Amino acid sequence: MIGGAGGVGSIAIQIAKKLTNTKVIATASRKETKQWCEKMGADLVVNHYDLQNELKKAKIDTVAYILNFADTDSHWDNMATIIAPQGQICSIVENKEPLDLDKLKSKSAAFHWEFMFTRSLYKTNDMVAQHKILEELCILFEDGTLQSTINKTFQGLNTEVFREVHKLQESGKSIGKNVIRYNV
């Protein structure tokens, strides 16, 4: 999981670890983000700035699945290299540059996009599935299977607070989810 310490990565680590038999490898580059990923349940945390070498040190040549929650453009070459033959890559992060899908061809690897609002945006036949997924997640949070990834809470609904939160998000140093609370 590339971007394991972010809000989506933090939940994905928990889901994969607690609901599947998958060995979870997450990326993080700082001590505090590595600790966060471990707290969420990652079996191994590697530095995304040296991903291939970090995996080799752990005696891992390829992986069957990659979930990308960070910069698709900057991680594309690494993902294409480490994905196993017939493996699957899924990204939730748009790209700015064209992706060279030919890098996956000889491996018969698949690339998938995931966008939370596809069903509602296009009014797909399975649109109610999003509702069911969110209901299932609610149960998993309520029964303690999953834990909240709220890491920092800001107070107030004003320009200064929005700037502060936006600056943190853009810094690439945010861990988990940030919340803005506003009491009427």
C-alpha atoms as a PDB file:
ATOM      1  CA  MET A   1       0.000   0.000   0.000  1.00  0.00           C
ATOM      2  CA  ILE A   2       1.660   3.132  -1.223  1.00  0.00           C
ATOM      3  CA  GLY A   3       0.727   5.989   1.080  1.00  0.00           C
ATOM      4  CA  GLY A   4      -0.091   3.806   4.069  1.00  0.00           C
ATOM      5  CA  ALA A   5      -0.108   6.602   6.643  1.00  0.00           C
ATOM      6  CA  GLY A   6      -2.721   8.717   4.877  1.00  0.00           C
ATOM      7  CA  GLY A   7      -6.408   8.653   5.701  1.00  0.00           C
ATOM      8  CA  VAL A   8      -7.381   6.112   3.033  1.00  0.00           C
ATOM      9  CA  GLY A   9      -4.223   4.035   3.457  1.00  0.00           C
ATOM     10  CA  SER A  10      -4.800   3.824   7.204  1.00  0.00           C
ATOM     11  CA  ILE A  11      -8.242   2.322   6.690  1.00  0.00           C
ATOM     12  CA  ALA A  12      -7.077   0.069   3.834  1.00  0.00           C
ATOM     13  CA  ILE A  13      -4.313  -1.404   6.018  1.00  0.00           C
ATOM     14  CA  GLN A  14      -6.868  -2.269   8.692  1.00  0.00           C
ATOM     15  CA  ILE A  15      -9.349  -3.777   6.228  1.00  0.00           C
ATOM     16  CA  ALA A  16      -6.688  -5.886   4.500  1.00  0.00           C
ATOM     17  CA  LYS A  17      -5.154  -7.043   7.765  1.00  0.00           C
ATOM     18  CA  LYS A  18      -8.331  -7.772   9.694  1.00  0.00           C
ATOM     19  CA  LEU A  19     -10.593  -9.070   6.927  1.00  0.00           C
ATOM     20  CA  THR A  20      -8.191 -10.987   4.659  1.00  0.00           C
ATOM     21  CA  ASN A  21      -5.189 -13.271   4.976  1.00  0.00           C
ATOM     22  CA  THR A  22      -2.976 -10.826   3.100  1.00  0.00           C
ATOM     23  CA  LYS A  23       0.485  -9.846   4.287  1.00  0.00           C
ATOM     24  CA  VAL A  24       0.252  -6.060   4.380  1.00  0.00           C
ATOM     25  CA  ILE A  25       3.223  -4.013   3.216  1.00  0.00           C
ATOM     26  CA  ALA A  26       2.800  -0.263   3.556  1.00  0.00           C
ATOM     27  CA  THR A  27       5.024   2.628   2.558  1.00  0.00           C
ATOM     28  CA  ALA A  28       6.066   5.455   4.839  1.00  0.00           C
ATOM     29  CA  SER A  29       9.189   7.591   4.902  1.00  0.00           C
ATOM     30  CA  ARG A  30       9.280   9.107   8.381  1.00  0.00           C
ATOM     31  CA  LYS A  31       9.543   7.529  11.816  1.00  0.00           C
ATOM     32  CA  GLU A  32       6.100   8.775  12.884  1.00  0.00           C
ATOM     33  CA  THR A  33       4.401   7.586   9.678  1.00  0.00           C
ATOM     34  CA  LYS A  34       6.096   4.195   9.942  1.00  0.00           C
ATOM     35  CA  GLN A  35       4.845   3.863  13.527  1.00  0.00           C
ATOM     36  CA  TRP A  36       1.349   4.890  12.408  1.00  0.00           C
ATOM     37  CA  CYS A  37       1.280   2.188   9.701  1.00  0.00           C
ATOM     38  CA  GLU A  38       2.440  -0.406  12.228  1.00  0.00           C
ATOM     39  CA  LYS A  39      -0.262   0.756  14.653  1.00  0.00           C
ATOM     40  CA  MET A  40      -2.842   0.288  11.881  1.00  0.00           C
ATOM     41  CA  GLY A  41      -1.631  -3.310  11.419  1.00  0.00           C
ATOM     42  CA  ALA A  42       0.955  -3.300   8.621  1.00  0.00           C
ATOM     43  CA  ASP A  43       3.222  -6.353   8.709  1.00  0.00           C
ATOM     44  CA  LEU A  44       6.073  -4.505   7.040  1.00  0.00           C
ATOM     45  CA  VAL A  45       6.679  -0.809   6.412  1.00  0.00           C
ATOM     46  CA  VAL A  46       9.131   0.261   3.715  1.00  0.00           C
ATOM     47  CA  ASN A  47      10.319   3.654   2.530  1.00  0.00           C
ATOM     48  CA  HIS A  48       8.638   4.647  -0.748  1.00  0.00           C
ATOM     49  CA  TYR A  49      11.663   6.766  -1.708  1.00  0.00           C
ATOM     50  CA  ASP A  50      13.702   3.560  -2.141  1.00  0.00           C
ATOM     51  CA  LEU A  51      10.891   1.081  -2.628  1.00  0.00           C
ATOM     52  CA  GLN A  52      12.588  -1.557  -4.758  1.00  0.00           C
ATOM     53  CA  ASN A  53      15.699  -1.762  -2.558  1.00  0.00           C
ATOM     54  CA  GLU A  54      13.605  -1.761   0.614  1.00  0.00           C
ATOM     55  CA  LEU A  55      11.621  -4.729  -0.697  1.00  0.00           C
ATOM     56  CA  LYS A  56      14.801  -6.538  -1.759  1.00  0.00           C
ATOM     57  CA  LYS A  57      16.180  -6.113   1.778  1.00  0.00           C
ATOM     58  CA  ALA A  58      13.016  -7.841   2.989  1.00  0.00           C
ATOM     59  CA  LYS A  59      13.588 -10.585   0.368  1.00  0.00           C
ATOM     60  CA  ILE A  60      10.518  -9.561  -1.632  1.00  0.00           C
ATOM     61  CA  ASP A  61      10.920  -9.354  -5.405  1.00  0.00           C
ATOM     62  CA  THR A  62       7.313  -8.871  -6.476  1.00  0.00           C
ATOM     63  CA  VAL A  63       3.886  -8.360  -4.954  1.00  0.00           C
ATOM     64  CA  ALA A  64       0.545  -9.635  -6.224  1.00  0.00           C
ATOM     65  CA  TYR A  65      -1.446  -6.501  -5.377  1.00  0.00           C
ATOM     66  CA  ILE A  66      -0.645  -2.812  -5.126  1.00  0.00           C
ATOM     67  CA  LEU A  67      -3.002  -0.187  -3.762  1.00  0.00           C
ATOM     68  CA  ASN A  68      -1.790   3.306  -4.529  1.00  0.00           C
ATOM     69  CA  PHE A  69      -3.009   6.152  -2.342  1.00  0.00           C
ATOM     70  CA  ALA A  70      -0.260   8.619  -3.259  1.00  0.00           C
ATOM     71  CA  ASP A  71       1.216  10.241  -6.369  1.00  0.00           C
ATOM     72  CA  THR A  72       0.526   7.836  -9.242  1.00  0.00           C
ATOM     73  CA  ASP A  73       2.984   9.549 -11.590  1.00  0.00           C
ATOM     74  CA  SER A  74       5.989   9.355  -9.274  1.00  0.00           C
ATOM     75  CA  HIS A  75       5.293   5.753  -8.231  1.00  0.00           C
ATOM     76  CA  TRP A  76       4.342   4.337 -11.641  1.00  0.00           C
ATOM     77  CA  ASP A  77       7.745   2.924 -12.621  1.00  0.00           C
ATOM     78  CA  ASN A  78       8.200   1.242  -9.247  1.00  0.00           C
ATOM     79  CA  MET A  79       4.696  -0.203  -9.350  1.00  0.00           C
ATOM     80  CA  ALA A  80       5.226  -1.564 -12.864  1.00  0.00           C
ATOM     81  CA  THR A  81       8.519  -3.136 -11.786  1.00  0.00           C
ATOM     82  CA  ILE A  82       7.418  -4.765  -8.529  1.00  0.00           C
ATOM     83  CA  ILE A  83       4.002  -6.031  -9.602  1.00  0.00           C
ATOM     84  CA  ALA A  84       4.004  -9.799 -10.027  1.00  0.00           C
ATOM     85  CA  PRO A  85       2.997 -11.478 -13.268  1.00  0.00           C
ATOM     86  CA  GLN A  86      -0.823 -11.447 -13.388  1.00  0.00           C
ATOM     87  CA  GLY A  87      -0.809  -9.026 -10.460  1.00  0.00           C
ATOM     88  CA  GLN A  88      -3.178  -6.120  -9.969  1.00  0.00           C
ATOM     89  CA  ILE A  89      -2.551  -2.449  -9.350  1.00  0.00           C
ATOM     90  CA  CYS A  90      -5.308  -0.144  -8.158  1.00  0.00           C
ATOM     91  CA  SER A  91      -4.970   3.612  -7.774  1.00  0.00           C
ATOM     92  CA  ILE A  92      -7.285   6.243  -6.369  1.00  0.00           C
ATOM     93  CA  VAL A  93      -4.966   9.105  -7.336  1.00  0.00           C
ATOM     94  CA  GLU A  94      -5.209  10.768 -10.723  1.00  0.00           C
ATOM     95  CA  ASN A  95      -2.171  11.055 -12.933  1.00  0.00           C
ATOM     96  CA  LYS A  96      -0.928  14.183 -14.701  1.00  0.00           C
ATOM     97  CA  GLU A  97       1.341  12.424 -17.183  1.00  0.00           C
ATOM     98  CA  PRO A  98       0.322   9.552 -19.472  1.00  0.00           C
ATOM     99  CA  LEU A  99       0.848   6.136 -17.847  1.00  0.00           C
ATOM    100  CA  ASP A 100       2.855   3.685 -19.913  1.00  0.00           C
ATOM    101  CA  LEU A 101       0.601   0.638 -19.666  1.00  0.00           C
ATOM    102  CA  ASP A 102       2.979  -1.280 -21.949  1.00  0.00           C
ATOM    103  CA  LYS A 103       5.115  -1.796 -18.831  1.00  0.00           C
ATOM    104  CA  LEU A 104       2.415  -4.181 -17.584  1.00  0.00           C
ATOM    105  CA  LYS A 105       1.808  -6.059 -20.846  1.00  0.00           C
ATOM    106  CA  SER A 106       4.457  -8.809 -20.600  1.00  0.00           C
ATOM    107  CA  LYS A 107       3.344  -9.534 -17.037  1.00  0.00           C
ATOM    108  CA  SER A 108      -0.360  -9.615 -17.965  1.00  0.00           C
ATOM    109  CA  ALA A 109      -0.809  -7.315 -14.988  1.00  0.00           C
ATOM    110  CA  ALA A 110      -4.004  -5.317 -14.557  1.00  0.00           C
ATOM    111  CA  PHE A 111      -4.432  -1.661 -13.704  1.00  0.00           C
ATOM    112  CA  HIS A 112      -7.644  -0.432 -12.072  1.00  0.00           C
ATOM    113  CA  TRP A 113      -8.946   2.976 -11.130  1.00  0.00           C
ATOM    114  CA  GLU A 114     -11.184   3.370  -8.118  1.00  0.00           C
ATOM    115  CA  PHE A 115     -13.310   6.449  -7.544  1.00  0.00           C
ATOM    116  CA  MET A 116     -15.781   6.488  -4.684  1.00  0.00           C
ATOM    117  CA  PHE A 117     -18.378   8.488  -6.578  1.00  0.00           C
ATOM    118  CA  THR A 118     -18.431   6.575  -9.894  1.00  0.00           C
ATOM    119  CA  ARG A 119     -21.707   4.830  -9.118  1.00  0.00           C
ATOM    120  CA  SER A 120     -23.571   8.010  -8.169  1.00  0.00           C
ATOM    121  CA  LEU A 121     -21.910  10.162 -10.826  1.00  0.00           C
ATOM    122  CA  TYR A 122     -22.942   7.780 -13.611  1.00  0.00           C
ATOM    123  CA  LYS A 123     -26.034   6.366 -11.908  1.00  0.00           C
ATOM    124  CA  THR A 124     -24.823   2.803 -12.462  1.00  0.00           C
ATOM    125  CA  ASN A 125     -27.150  -0.167 -12.037  1.00  0.00           C
ATOM    126  CA  ASP A 126     -25.322  -1.132  -8.838  1.00  0.00           C
ATOM    127  CA  MET A 127     -25.458   2.361  -7.330  1.00  0.00           C
ATOM    128  CA  VAL A 128     -26.927   1.008  -4.076  1.00  0.00           C
ATOM    129  CA  ALA A 129     -23.690  -0.963  -3.536  1.00  0.00           C
ATOM    130  CA  GLN A 130     -21.998   2.211  -2.258  1.00  0.00           C
ATOM    131  CA  HIS A 131     -24.665   2.473   0.434  1.00  0.00           C
ATOM    132  CA  LYS A 132     -24.133  -1.185   1.391  1.00  0.00           C
ATOM    133  CA  ILE A 133     -20.341  -0.735   1.557  1.00  0.00           C
ATOM    134  CA  LEU A 134     -20.709   2.267   3.863  1.00  0.00           C
ATOM    135  CA  GLU A 135     -23.187   0.360   6.054  1.00  0.00           C
ATOM    136  CA  GLU A 136     -20.695  -2.514   6.365  1.00  0.00           C
ATOM    137  CA  LEU A 137     -17.930  -0.084   7.296  1.00  0.00           C
ATOM    138  CA  CYS A 138     -20.159   1.497   9.925  1.00  0.00           C
ATOM    139  CA  ILE A 139     -20.677  -1.922  11.537  1.00  0.00           C
ATOM    140  CA  LEU A 140     -16.925  -2.620  11.462  1.00  0.00           C
ATOM    141  CA  PHE A 141     -16.241   0.671  13.248  1.00  0.00           C
ATOM    142  CA  GLU A 142     -19.023   0.162  15.763  1.00  0.00           C
ATOM    143  CA  ASP A 143     -17.927  -3.379  16.670  1.00  0.00           C
ATOM    144  CA  GLY A 144     -14.288  -2.273  17.031  1.00  0.00           C
ATOM    145  CA  THR A 145     -12.903  -4.221  14.062  1.00  0.00           C
ATOM    146  CA  LEU A 146     -11.738  -0.936  12.527  1.00  0.00           C
ATOM    147  CA  GLN A 147     -10.487   2.084  14.420  1.00  0.00           C
ATOM    148  CA  SER A 148     -10.838   5.722  13.511  1.00  0.00           C
ATOM    149  CA  THR A 149      -7.921   7.306  11.720  1.00  0.00           C
ATOM    150  CA  ILE A 150      -8.626  10.821  12.967  1.00  0.00           C
ATOM    151  CA  ASN A 151      -5.206  12.064  13.981  1.00  0.00           C
ATOM    152  CA  LYS A 152      -5.605  15.816  14.212  1.00  0.00           C
ATOM    153  CA  THR A 153      -8.626  17.955  15.003  1.00  0.00           C
ATOM    154  CA  PHE A 154      -8.954  21.636  14.181  1.00  0.00           C
ATOM    155  CA  GLN A 155     -11.520  23.924  15.727  1.00  0.00           C
ATOM    156  CA  GLY A 156     -13.563  26.535  13.876  1.00  0.00           C
ATOM    157  CA  LEU A 157     -15.104  27.047  10.496  1.00  0.00           C
ATOM    158  CA  ASN A 158     -13.138  30.020   9.220  1.00  0.00           C
ATOM    159  CA  THR A 159     -10.581  30.944   6.591  1.00  0.00           C
ATOM    160  CA  GLU A 160      -7.565  30.642   8.894  1.00  0.00           C
ATOM    161  CA  VAL A 161      -8.463  27.090   9.931  1.00  0.00           C
ATOM    162  CA  PHE A 162      -9.068  26.037   6.322  1.00  0.00           C
ATOM    163  CA  ARG A 163      -5.700  27.483   5.309  1.00  0.00           C
ATOM    164  CA  GLU A 164      -3.952  25.666   8.155  1.00  0.00           C
ATOM    165  CA  VAL A 165      -5.555  22.317   7.301  1.00  0.00           C
ATOM    166  CA  HIS A 166      -4.975  22.774   3.565  1.00  0.00           C
ATOM    167  CA  LYS A 167      -1.323  23.632   4.182  1.00  0.00           C
ATOM    168  CA  LEU A 168      -0.907  20.447   6.243  1.00  0.00           C
ATOM    169  CA  GLN A 169      -2.574  18.338   3.542  1.00  0.00           C
ATOM    170  CA  GLU A 170      -0.383  19.817   0.798  1.00  0.00           C
ATOM    171  CA  SER A 171       2.790  19.331   2.862  1.00  0.00           C
ATOM    172  CA  GLY A 172       2.677  15.573   2.436  1.00  0.00           C
ATOM    173  CA  LYS A 173       3.230  15.274   6.177  1.00  0.00           C
ATOM    174  CA  SER A 174      -0.344  14.626   7.226  1.00  0.00           C
ATOM    175  CA  ILE A 175      -0.974  11.355   9.055  1.00  0.00           C
ATOM    176  CA  GLY A 176      -4.403   9.744   9.101  1.00  0.00           C
ATOM    177  CA  LYS A 177      -7.378  12.045   8.742  1.00  0.00           C
ATOM    178  CA  ASN A 178      -7.712  15.670   9.742  1.00  0.00           C
ATOM    179  CA  VAL A 179     -11.045  16.906  11.053  1.00  0.00           C
ATOM    180  CA  ILE A 180     -12.479  20.388  11.372  1.00  0.00           C
ATOM    181  CA  ARG A 181     -14.982  20.722  14.202  1.00  0.00           C
ATOM    182  CA  TYR A 182     -17.480  23.511  14.323  1.00  0.00           C
ATOM    183  CA  ASN A 183     -19.906  23.959  17.176  1.00  0.00           C
ATOM    184  CA  VAL A 184     -22.931  26.137  16.585  1.00  0.00           C
END
